[in-house]
Protein backbone atom coordinates (compact mmCIF):
# COMPACT_ATOMS: atom_id res chain seq x y z
CA MET A 1 -241.59 74.98 -18.90
CA LYS A 2 -240.39 76.91 -21.82
CA GLU A 3 -237.24 78.05 -20.10
CA SER A 4 -236.42 74.61 -18.87
CA THR A 5 -237.10 73.20 -22.26
CA ASN A 6 -234.90 75.74 -23.93
CA ARG A 7 -232.24 75.11 -21.34
CA VAL A 8 -232.28 71.43 -22.05
CA VAL A 9 -232.07 71.96 -25.74
CA THR A 10 -229.16 74.36 -25.47
CA GLU A 11 -227.19 72.16 -23.08
CA ASP A 12 -227.53 68.76 -24.84
CA PRO A 13 -225.40 69.45 -27.98
CA PRO A 14 -222.27 70.46 -26.02
CA ALA A 15 -222.56 67.26 -24.02
CA ILE A 16 -222.64 65.20 -27.20
CA ARG A 17 -219.60 67.03 -28.64
CA SER A 18 -217.70 66.48 -25.42
CA ASP A 19 -218.32 62.74 -25.61
CA THR A 20 -217.08 62.70 -29.20
CA ARG A 21 -213.78 64.35 -28.21
CA ILE A 22 -213.31 61.82 -25.46
CA GLU A 23 -213.71 58.96 -27.96
CA GLU A 24 -211.16 60.57 -30.30
CA LYS A 25 -208.66 60.96 -27.51
CA ASN A 26 -209.08 57.35 -26.48
CA MET A 27 -208.44 55.92 -30.03
CA ASP A 28 -206.72 52.53 -30.07
CA PRO A 29 -202.88 52.93 -30.23
CA LYS A 30 -202.66 49.98 -32.61
CA VAL A 31 -204.70 51.89 -35.16
CA LEU A 32 -202.46 54.91 -34.82
CA TYR A 33 -199.36 52.73 -35.18
CA SER A 34 -200.75 51.07 -38.28
CA LEU A 35 -201.53 54.43 -39.85
CA LEU A 36 -198.03 55.61 -39.03
CA LEU A 37 -196.46 52.54 -40.70
CA VAL A 38 -198.58 53.00 -43.80
CA PHE A 39 -197.52 56.62 -43.96
CA ILE A 40 -193.86 55.76 -43.55
CA PHE A 41 -193.63 52.83 -45.97
CA TYR A 42 -196.10 53.97 -48.62
CA GLY A 43 -196.35 57.69 -48.28
CA ILE A 44 -192.78 58.94 -48.01
CA PRO A 45 -191.04 56.72 -50.66
CA SER A 46 -193.67 57.49 -53.28
CA THR A 47 -191.96 60.75 -54.18
CA GLY A 48 -188.50 59.18 -54.40
CA GLN A 49 -189.82 56.22 -56.35
CA LYS A 50 -191.50 58.54 -58.79
CA LYS A 51 -188.24 60.43 -59.28
CA LYS A 52 -186.37 57.17 -59.94
CA GLU A 53 -188.95 56.06 -62.48
CA THR A 54 -188.80 59.43 -64.20
CA LEU A 55 -184.99 59.37 -64.30
CA LEU A 56 -184.96 55.79 -65.59
CA SER A 57 -187.50 56.65 -68.27
CA GLU A 58 -185.36 59.58 -69.40
CA LYS A 59 -182.22 57.43 -69.57
CA VAL A 60 -183.92 54.65 -71.53
CA GLY A 61 -185.52 57.18 -73.86
CA GLN A 62 -182.16 58.83 -74.54
CA LEU A 63 -180.48 55.48 -75.23
CA MET A 64 -183.31 54.43 -77.55
CA ASP A 65 -182.97 57.73 -79.41
CA TRP A 66 -179.22 57.23 -79.87
CA THR A 67 -179.73 53.60 -80.92
CA GLY A 68 -182.25 54.72 -83.52
CA LYS A 69 -179.52 56.84 -85.12
CA ARG A 70 -176.59 54.44 -84.66
CA SER A 71 -176.72 50.82 -83.56
CA VAL A 72 -173.53 51.31 -81.52
CA ILE A 73 -173.59 54.23 -79.09
CA ARG A 74 -170.34 56.17 -78.74
CA MET A 75 -169.65 56.99 -75.10
CA ASN A 76 -167.13 59.14 -73.30
CA GLY A 77 -166.42 59.28 -69.59
CA GLU A 78 -169.45 61.43 -68.74
CA LYS A 79 -171.93 59.26 -70.66
CA PHE A 80 -170.40 56.09 -69.22
CA ARG A 81 -170.81 57.30 -65.65
CA ARG A 82 -174.36 58.54 -66.24
CA PHE A 83 -175.85 55.72 -68.28
CA VAL A 84 -173.79 52.71 -67.16
CA LYS A 85 -172.42 53.28 -63.66
CA ALA A 86 -175.09 55.48 -62.08
CA PRO A 87 -178.41 53.96 -60.95
CA PRO A 88 -181.22 53.45 -61.67
CA ARG A 89 -180.79 51.01 -64.54
CA ASN A 90 -182.96 48.10 -65.69
CA TYR A 91 -181.08 47.41 -68.92
CA SER A 92 -177.80 45.70 -69.83
CA VAL A 93 -175.02 47.44 -71.74
CA ILE A 94 -172.42 45.67 -73.88
CA ILE A 95 -169.39 47.91 -74.29
CA MET A 96 -166.43 47.47 -76.58
CA PHE A 97 -163.37 49.27 -75.24
CA THR A 98 -161.21 50.04 -78.23
CA ALA A 99 -158.56 52.32 -79.76
CA LEU A 100 -159.57 53.17 -83.31
CA GLN A 101 -157.54 56.32 -83.85
CA PRO A 102 -154.90 55.96 -86.61
CA GLN A 103 -152.04 56.90 -84.29
CA ARG A 104 -152.83 53.87 -82.12
CA GLN A 105 -152.17 51.50 -85.05
CA CYS A 106 -154.54 48.88 -83.69
CA GLY A 107 -155.44 46.74 -86.68
CA VAL A 108 -157.23 44.22 -84.47
CA CYS A 109 -159.47 46.98 -83.13
CA LYS A 110 -160.68 47.80 -86.64
CA GLN A 111 -161.41 44.16 -87.44
CA ALA A 112 -163.22 43.64 -84.14
CA ASP A 113 -165.20 46.85 -84.65
CA GLU A 114 -166.51 45.60 -88.00
CA GLU A 115 -167.81 42.40 -86.37
CA TYR A 116 -169.21 44.38 -83.45
CA GLN A 117 -171.13 46.64 -85.84
CA ILE A 118 -172.61 43.55 -87.53
CA LEU A 119 -173.70 42.24 -84.11
CA ALA A 120 -175.31 45.53 -83.08
CA ASN A 121 -177.06 45.98 -86.44
CA SER A 122 -178.41 42.43 -86.29
CA TRP A 123 -179.95 43.22 -82.89
CA ARG A 124 -181.18 46.69 -83.84
CA TYR A 125 -183.05 45.55 -86.95
CA SER A 126 -184.38 42.25 -85.57
CA ASN A 127 -188.04 41.69 -84.80
CA SER A 128 -187.23 40.94 -81.15
CA PHE A 129 -185.46 44.27 -80.52
CA THR A 130 -186.21 45.73 -77.09
CA ASN A 131 -184.62 48.13 -74.62
CA ARG A 132 -183.18 45.26 -72.54
CA VAL A 133 -179.72 45.46 -74.17
CA PHE A 134 -177.77 48.34 -75.66
CA PHE A 135 -174.43 48.26 -77.49
CA ALA A 136 -171.82 50.96 -77.01
CA THR A 137 -168.13 51.71 -77.53
CA VAL A 138 -165.61 53.64 -75.48
CA ASP A 139 -162.54 54.77 -77.43
CA PHE A 140 -159.31 55.23 -75.51
CA ASP A 141 -158.81 58.74 -76.89
CA GLU A 142 -162.35 59.78 -75.93
CA GLY A 143 -162.64 58.03 -72.58
CA SER A 144 -159.18 57.40 -71.16
CA ASP A 145 -160.60 58.10 -67.69
CA VAL A 146 -162.90 55.09 -68.12
CA PHE A 147 -159.90 52.88 -68.95
CA GLN A 148 -158.19 54.10 -65.78
CA MET A 149 -161.36 53.59 -63.75
CA LEU A 150 -161.58 49.94 -64.86
CA ASN A 151 -157.78 49.35 -64.74
CA MET A 152 -157.67 48.28 -68.39
CA ASN A 153 -154.45 48.37 -70.40
CA SER A 154 -155.39 46.48 -73.57
CA ALA A 155 -157.85 46.82 -76.40
CA PRO A 156 -160.14 45.64 -77.80
CA THR A 157 -162.04 44.39 -74.74
CA PHE A 158 -165.73 43.49 -74.50
CA ILE A 159 -167.52 43.81 -71.13
CA HIS A 160 -171.14 43.19 -70.21
CA PHE A 161 -172.58 45.52 -67.57
CA PRO A 162 -175.66 43.74 -66.18
CA ALA A 163 -178.87 45.51 -65.19
CA LYS A 164 -178.27 44.63 -61.55
CA GLY A 165 -175.00 44.28 -59.71
CA LYS A 166 -171.42 44.60 -60.86
CA PRO A 167 -169.82 42.74 -63.79
CA LYS A 168 -168.48 39.30 -62.92
CA LYS A 169 -165.53 37.48 -64.42
CA ALA A 170 -167.74 35.82 -67.04
CA ASP A 171 -168.99 39.27 -68.10
CA THR A 172 -165.60 39.94 -69.72
CA TYR A 173 -165.42 38.35 -73.16
CA GLU A 174 -162.49 35.97 -73.73
CA LEU A 175 -161.35 37.51 -76.98
CA GLN A 176 -158.14 35.55 -77.38
CA VAL A 177 -159.96 32.25 -76.88
CA ARG A 178 -163.20 32.82 -78.79
CA GLY A 179 -162.13 35.37 -81.39
CA PHE A 180 -164.15 38.41 -82.36
CA ALA A 181 -166.52 36.92 -84.95
CA ALA A 182 -170.04 38.31 -84.64
CA GLU A 183 -171.47 34.81 -84.18
CA GLN A 184 -169.20 34.14 -81.20
CA LEU A 185 -170.07 37.50 -79.67
CA ALA A 186 -173.78 36.77 -80.13
CA ARG A 187 -173.45 33.47 -78.25
CA TRP A 188 -171.68 35.24 -75.39
CA VAL A 189 -174.35 37.96 -75.26
CA GLY A 190 -177.02 35.26 -75.19
CA ASP A 191 -175.30 33.53 -72.27
CA ARG A 192 -175.05 36.74 -70.25
CA THR A 193 -178.40 38.41 -71.04
CA ASP A 194 -180.71 35.62 -72.34
CA VAL A 195 -181.15 37.72 -75.48
CA GLN A 196 -180.69 35.61 -78.60
CA ILE A 197 -179.38 37.50 -81.62
CA ARG A 198 -179.45 36.05 -85.11
CA ILE A 199 -176.50 37.42 -87.06
CA ILE A 200 -177.35 38.88 -90.45
CA ARG A 201 -174.29 39.71 -92.50
CA PRO A 202 -174.27 42.00 -95.51
CA PRO A 203 -173.78 40.14 -98.77
CA ASN A 204 -170.14 39.44 -99.61
CA TYR A 205 -169.49 38.61 -103.25
CA ALA A 206 -165.69 38.24 -102.94
CA GLY A 207 -165.83 34.49 -102.30
CA PRO A 208 -168.16 33.60 -105.21
CA LEU A 209 -166.21 35.90 -107.54
CA MET A 210 -162.89 34.30 -106.62
CA LEU A 211 -164.36 30.82 -107.06
CA GLY A 212 -165.82 31.79 -110.41
CA PHE A 213 -162.48 33.26 -111.51
CA LEU A 214 -160.63 30.09 -110.46
CA LEU A 215 -163.09 27.88 -112.32
CA ALA A 216 -162.81 30.12 -115.38
CA VAL A 217 -159.00 29.84 -115.33
CA ILE A 218 -159.13 26.06 -114.98
CA GLY A 219 -161.73 25.83 -117.73
CA GLY A 220 -159.67 28.11 -119.98
CA LEU A 221 -156.51 26.04 -119.49
CA ALA A 222 -158.43 22.84 -120.16
CA TYR A 223 -159.88 24.36 -123.35
CA LEU A 224 -156.49 25.56 -124.58
CA ARG A 225 -155.05 22.10 -124.02
CA ARG A 226 -158.13 20.19 -125.04
CA ASN A 227 -156.07 18.09 -127.44
CA ASN A 228 -153.57 17.14 -124.74
CA LEU A 229 -155.03 16.49 -121.30
CA GLU A 230 -152.27 14.24 -120.08
CA PHE A 231 -151.43 16.71 -117.30
CA LEU A 232 -154.66 15.61 -115.58
CA TYR A 233 -153.06 12.19 -115.13
CA ASN A 234 -149.76 13.59 -113.88
CA ARG A 235 -148.98 12.24 -110.43
CA SER A 236 -146.80 15.22 -109.55
CA VAL A 237 -149.67 17.66 -110.12
CA TRP A 238 -152.04 15.74 -107.88
CA ALA A 239 -149.32 15.17 -105.28
CA PHE A 240 -148.61 18.91 -105.17
CA ALA A 241 -152.32 19.74 -104.82
CA ALA A 242 -152.76 17.18 -102.04
CA LEU A 243 -149.66 18.49 -100.25
CA CYS A 244 -150.95 22.07 -100.37
CA PHE A 245 -154.30 20.97 -98.97
CA CYS A 246 -152.65 19.08 -96.11
CA LEU A 247 -150.40 22.02 -95.23
CA ILE A 248 -153.36 24.42 -95.16
CA MET A 249 -155.43 22.14 -92.94
CA THR A 250 -152.63 21.30 -90.49
CA SER A 251 -151.65 24.95 -90.05
CA GLY A 252 -155.03 25.83 -88.50
CA GLN A 253 -156.80 27.64 -91.33
CA MET A 254 -160.09 25.87 -90.64
CA TRP A 255 -159.93 26.95 -86.99
CA ASN A 256 -159.48 30.53 -88.19
CA HIS A 257 -162.49 30.23 -90.44
CA ILE A 258 -164.69 28.94 -87.61
CA ARG A 259 -163.48 31.11 -84.71
CA GLY A 260 -162.41 34.27 -86.53
CA PRO A 261 -159.38 35.14 -84.34
CA PRO A 262 -157.47 38.43 -84.70
CA TYR A 263 -154.46 38.56 -87.02
CA ALA A 264 -152.18 39.62 -84.15
CA HIS A 265 -152.40 41.39 -80.81
CA LYS A 266 -150.94 44.80 -80.05
CA ASN A 267 -150.72 46.15 -76.52
CA PRO A 268 -151.87 49.79 -76.74
CA SER A 269 -149.85 50.82 -73.69
CA THR A 270 -146.51 49.31 -74.74
CA GLY A 271 -147.02 49.01 -78.50
CA GLN A 272 -145.67 45.45 -78.49
CA VAL A 273 -147.17 43.18 -81.15
CA SER A 274 -147.65 39.46 -80.46
CA TYR A 275 -147.90 37.09 -83.42
CA ILE A 276 -147.88 33.88 -81.35
CA HIS A 277 -150.65 33.32 -78.83
CA GLY A 278 -149.37 32.32 -75.40
CA SER A 279 -152.13 29.76 -74.77
CA SER A 280 -152.71 26.33 -76.24
CA GLN A 281 -156.46 27.08 -76.42
CA ALA A 282 -156.22 29.87 -78.99
CA GLN A 283 -154.15 31.20 -81.88
CA PHE A 284 -153.67 34.24 -84.09
CA VAL A 285 -154.03 34.30 -87.87
CA ALA A 286 -150.39 35.36 -88.19
CA GLU A 287 -149.43 32.32 -86.12
CA THR A 288 -151.07 29.96 -88.62
CA HIS A 289 -149.23 31.65 -91.47
CA ILE A 290 -145.92 31.21 -89.65
CA VAL A 291 -146.64 27.55 -88.96
CA LEU A 292 -147.66 27.06 -92.60
CA LEU A 293 -144.35 28.47 -93.83
CA PHE A 294 -142.35 26.37 -91.37
CA ASN A 295 -144.19 23.21 -92.40
CA CYS A 296 -143.52 24.05 -96.05
CA ALA A 297 -139.82 24.45 -95.30
CA VAL A 298 -139.68 21.12 -93.49
CA THR A 299 -141.52 19.47 -96.38
CA MET A 300 -139.11 21.01 -98.89
CA GLY A 301 -136.22 19.64 -96.85
CA MET A 302 -137.71 16.15 -96.93
CA VAL A 303 -138.25 16.39 -100.69
CA LEU A 304 -134.62 17.43 -101.17
CA LEU A 305 -133.41 14.51 -99.08
CA HIS A 306 -135.55 12.11 -101.10
CA GLU A 307 -134.30 13.50 -104.41
CA ALA A 308 -130.69 13.35 -103.21
CA ALA A 309 -131.10 9.68 -102.40
CA THR A 310 -133.01 8.56 -105.52
CA SER A 311 -132.02 10.90 -108.40
CA ASP A 312 -129.46 10.12 -111.10
CA MET A 313 -127.65 13.46 -110.84
CA ASP A 314 -123.92 13.70 -110.23
CA ILE A 315 -122.66 13.16 -106.73
CA GLY A 316 -121.77 16.84 -106.13
CA LYS A 317 -125.33 18.10 -106.71
CA ARG A 318 -126.73 15.27 -104.65
CA LYS A 319 -124.48 16.23 -101.71
CA ILE A 320 -125.62 19.86 -101.94
CA MET A 321 -129.27 18.75 -102.00
CA CYS A 322 -128.66 16.49 -99.02
CA ILE A 323 -126.96 19.20 -96.96
CA GLY A 324 -129.69 21.72 -97.89
CA GLY A 325 -132.43 19.26 -96.98
CA ILE A 326 -130.86 18.46 -93.61
CA CYS A 327 -130.45 22.16 -92.78
CA LEU A 328 -134.05 22.95 -93.68
CA VAL A 329 -135.45 20.09 -91.63
CA MET A 330 -133.28 20.75 -88.57
CA LEU A 331 -133.71 24.54 -88.53
CA PHE A 332 -137.45 24.82 -89.17
CA PHE A 333 -138.36 21.78 -87.12
CA SER A 334 -136.50 23.37 -84.22
CA TRP A 335 -138.52 26.59 -84.70
CA LEU A 336 -141.77 24.60 -84.80
CA LEU A 337 -140.82 22.85 -81.58
CA SER A 338 -140.00 26.17 -79.90
CA ILE A 339 -143.47 27.51 -80.83
CA PHE A 340 -144.99 24.36 -79.39
CA ARG A 341 -143.04 24.86 -76.15
CA ALA A 342 -144.18 28.51 -75.95
CA LYS A 343 -147.85 27.46 -76.19
CA TYR A 344 -147.72 24.31 -74.08
CA HIS A 345 -145.92 25.52 -70.98
CA GLY A 346 -143.89 22.86 -69.25
CA TYR A 347 -143.20 20.80 -72.38
CA PRO A 348 -139.77 19.29 -71.56
CA TYR A 349 -138.26 18.69 -75.01
CA SER A 350 -136.42 21.07 -77.33
CA PHE A 351 -134.08 20.90 -80.30
CA LEU A 352 -131.37 23.45 -81.11
CA MET A 353 -133.51 26.25 -79.61
CA SER A 354 -135.15 26.53 -76.23
């Protein structure tokens, strides 16, 4: 009995283990397939995903560190490829492509850079500042390879590089239409990134000082002639003031004040400077000055014609005034019409000049 009992005891455990192995071998294939899918889709990418997150964290941290020192990050070709072109990236980058070196003689670039700095500073020191948007510049002399990569031949140019995908047509700022005022740039940034930036400009005391000086001069003249203020009732004085106001308004000065366009445009590749904008939807500051001078000349010609017809001077002087007035009106009106034709393509009429 003892032997048989011992024999039974020693033989039962192997039988149990054998049954267990049979159950393991006959495991449901669906379970194995499910485990394999979980391993493939959740096990393998975890390492790569972790590397991407680490790389992204390093890039954002580096950009935040640079932004803490300067609101506008200066980039060359290497930084542009690493932080803008290469993934991963969950932030937008606004880049101003410019040419600020003195040998480039780009006056517009300097003016646009001042407004761009105001925009970046307003974002950097706002309460809503986050790492969603960064501002940077690429100078032609420091990143000419970037200009070649993007096939750009003019500066300044503003481009928005979105967090996902490639820049679209609307991601290139229409500088010649909108101008480079910080307020206009902020509206464009808001449209492209949904980040609203409230522009905060440093105090500018030039305007109040000039106004105070003008009022002081007028007050001083009125005090010196306090016993004879008949000049205030002089029609010629008021007519001249009204004429100056009309010429300033009709030349586009108010548009310049609102839009802040560049004074002129210089092509950095050819060096050619354009003072007249080729579109009817925009203008340069120099263009308004030219139109103002031409309008003044036409007005002077009309005044000379009026004086020649109504004055009591001798006939010789009146003829000279008449000829001079006709020449001024014909010449400068022809130039005004040629500017109009250059801006409104297809305009059929011309006078003296095409």
